[in-house]
Amino acid sequence: MGRDTFRSFSEDLLARGFYFLNSDDIGGIYSMLCGRLAVRIAGAGRIIPNVERKFKKDDFDRYAMSRAKAVEFDDIRFFVSPIELQIPYKLYLGSDKDTEDAVYLWVLFREMLDGDLLRTVHGAPAGPGGAVWN
C-alpha cells in the first residue's frame, strides 16, 4: 500500500472513531508497517477489542489474504484471514496467550470450520485438546 493510500485509509479510520494503539504519528505507523511490523487499531477510548493490521510480507500472508473473509460491523467492512489459518498459526507461536487464543477460536467457530483447510495447514487430524475434525 502506497503512503498516500495509507494516509487516506488512516484519515478514514480516525474519522470513524478509531485510532492506532501504537502511535499517533501516521508516518511512524506507516514506517512500522513497511518495516514488517504489525499495528493495532481500536475504537476511540478503548484498548480491547482491537484488530491487528499488517502488510503482506510472504507467501503465507498472500495465501491467507487470497482466502480472506469479509467481516461487517454496522457500516464498517474489513477482511480477515480464515480462522482455519489463524488456529494453527496461534499454536505455532506457542505462548500461553496464543494457545488460549487458538482454543477460544476453536470453541467459538468449530461448527463452521473447514476441516480440510485446517488439516492442510496444520497437518494433523485433531484440534486443540485432541478433538477430531468433522
Protein backbone atom coordinates (compact mmCIF):
# COMPACT_ATOMS: atom_id res chain seq x y z
CA MET A 1 0.00 0.00 0.00
CA GLY A 2 1.44 3.35 -1.00
CA ARG A 3 1.97 6.18 1.50
CA ASP A 4 -0.87 8.34 0.09
CA THR A 5 -3.33 5.44 0.10
CA PHE A 6 -2.33 4.60 3.67
CA ARG A 7 -2.76 8.22 4.75
CA SER A 8 -6.27 8.24 3.24
CA PHE A 9 -7.07 4.91 4.94
CA SER A 10 -5.80 6.29 8.26
CA GLU A 11 -7.79 9.51 7.98
CA ASP A 12 -10.92 7.48 7.28
CA LEU A 13 -10.27 5.30 10.35
CA LEU A 14 -9.78 8.35 12.56
CA ALA A 15 -12.93 10.00 11.19
CA ARG A 16 -14.90 6.84 12.06
CA GLY A 17 -13.75 6.92 15.68
CA PHE A 18 -10.78 4.56 15.61
CA TYR A 19 -7.13 5.05 16.49
CA PHE A 20 -3.79 3.24 16.29
CA LEU A 21 -2.68 1.88 19.65
CA ASN A 22 0.98 2.00 18.63
CA SER A 23 1.36 5.73 17.93
CA ASP A 24 -0.45 8.93 16.97
CA ASP A 25 2.10 9.55 14.21
CA ILE A 26 0.63 8.25 10.93
CA GLY A 27 4.04 8.46 9.24
CA GLY A 28 5.52 6.38 12.05
CA ILE A 29 2.73 3.82 11.75
CA TYR A 30 3.38 3.56 8.01
CA SER A 31 7.11 3.07 8.67
CA MET A 32 6.34 0.30 11.16
CA LEU A 33 4.18 -1.47 8.57
CA CYS A 34 6.86 -1.08 5.89
CA GLY A 35 9.34 -2.50 8.41
CA ARG A 36 7.24 -5.69 8.56
CA LEU A 37 5.70 -4.89 11.93
CA ALA A 38 2.02 -5.16 12.75
CA VAL A 39 -0.02 -2.34 14.26
CA ARG A 40 -3.22 -2.46 16.28
CA ILE A 41 -6.41 -0.47 15.74
CA ALA A 42 -9.18 0.05 18.30
CA GLY A 43 -12.22 2.21 18.89
CA ALA A 44 -11.55 5.60 20.48
CA GLY A 45 -11.12 5.34 24.23
CA ARG A 46 -10.76 1.56 24.11
CA ILE A 47 -7.94 -0.93 24.02
CA ILE A 48 -9.96 -4.14 23.70
CA PRO A 49 -11.24 -5.31 21.33
CA ASN A 50 -8.68 -4.38 18.73
CA VAL A 51 -7.62 -5.59 15.32
CA GLU A 52 -4.11 -6.23 14.03
CA ARG A 53 -3.13 -4.72 10.68
CA LYS A 54 -0.02 -5.56 8.71
CA PHE A 55 1.22 -5.51 5.16
CA LYS A 56 1.60 -8.82 3.33
CA LYS A 57 5.22 -9.90 3.58
CA ASP A 58 5.48 -13.54 2.48
CA ASP A 59 3.75 -16.37 0.68
CA PHE A 60 1.80 -17.36 3.80
CA ASP A 61 0.37 -13.83 4.12
CA ARG A 62 -0.52 -13.78 0.43
CA TYR A 63 -2.19 -17.20 0.75
CA ALA A 64 -4.11 -16.11 3.84
CA MET A 65 -5.39 -12.94 2.18
CA SER A 66 -6.29 -14.79 -1.01
CA ARG A 67 -8.76 -16.71 1.18
CA ALA A 68 -9.81 -13.70 3.30
CA LYS A 69 -13.34 -13.46 4.64
CA ALA A 70 -15.32 -10.22 4.76
CA VAL A 71 -16.48 -9.15 8.21
CA GLU A 72 -19.04 -6.38 8.64
CA PHE A 73 -19.99 -4.38 11.71
CA ASP A 74 -22.63 -1.75 11.02
CA ASP A 75 -21.16 0.21 8.09
CA ILE A 76 -17.58 -0.98 8.58
CA ARG A 77 -16.29 -3.77 6.36
CA PHE A 78 -12.87 -5.37 6.61
CA PHE A 79 -11.20 -8.66 5.72
CA VAL A 80 -9.67 -11.27 7.99
CA SER A 81 -7.70 -14.38 7.23
CA PRO A 82 -9.63 -17.63 7.64
CA ILE A 83 -9.96 -18.93 11.20
CA GLU A 84 -8.63 -22.24 9.84
CA LEU A 85 -5.30 -20.47 9.27
CA GLN A 86 -5.35 -18.47 12.49
CA ILE A 87 -5.72 -21.52 14.77
CA PRO A 88 -2.60 -23.39 13.61
CA TYR A 89 -0.64 -20.13 13.45
CA LYS A 90 -1.51 -19.38 17.08
CA LEU A 91 -0.50 -22.92 18.05
CA TYR A 92 2.77 -22.49 16.13
CA LEU A 93 3.55 -19.28 18.06
CA GLY A 94 3.12 -21.33 21.22
CA SER A 95 2.84 -18.75 24.01
CA ASP A 96 0.22 -19.34 26.69
CA LYS A 97 -1.81 -16.42 25.30
CA ASP A 98 -1.57 -17.68 21.71
CA THR A 99 -2.60 -21.19 22.77
CA GLU A 100 -5.57 -19.73 24.68
CA ASP A 101 -6.49 -17.74 21.57
CA ALA A 102 -6.35 -20.89 19.41
CA VAL A 103 -8.58 -22.80 21.82
CA TYR A 104 -11.01 -19.87 22.01
CA LEU A 105 -11.23 -19.67 18.20
CA TRP A 106 -11.74 -23.44 18.03
CA VAL A 107 -14.56 -23.37 20.59
CA LEU A 108 -16.22 -20.32 19.05
CA PHE A 109 -16.09 -21.44 15.41
CA ARG A 110 -15.74 -25.25 15.47
CA GLU A 111 -19.14 -25.84 13.85
CA MET A 112 -18.22 -23.59 10.92
CA LEU A 113 -14.59 -24.60 10.32
CA ASP A 114 -13.40 -26.17 7.07
CA GLY A 115 -11.66 -29.29 8.38
CA ASP A 116 -9.90 -29.94 5.07
CA LEU A 117 -8.32 -26.48 5.09
CA LEU A 118 -7.37 -26.83 8.75
CA ARG A 119 -5.72 -30.23 8.11
CA THR A 120 -3.91 -28.84 5.08
CA VAL A 121 -2.36 -26.07 7.13
CA HIS A 122 -1.90 -27.85 10.44
CA GLY A 123 -1.09 -31.28 9.01
CA ALA A 124 -2.93 -33.19 11.75
CA PRO A 125 -6.46 -34.55 12.06
CA ALA A 126 -7.05 -33.17 15.56
CA GLY A 127 -7.77 -29.76 17.01
CA PRO A 128 -6.99 -28.23 20.39
CA GLY A 129 -7.47 -30.80 23.14
CA GLY A 130 -7.29 -33.66 20.61
CA ALA A 131 -10.81 -33.09 19.21
CA VAL A 132 -11.32 -34.84 15.89
CA TRP A 133 -12.34 -32.74 12.87
CA ASN A 134 -15.73 -33.44 11.39
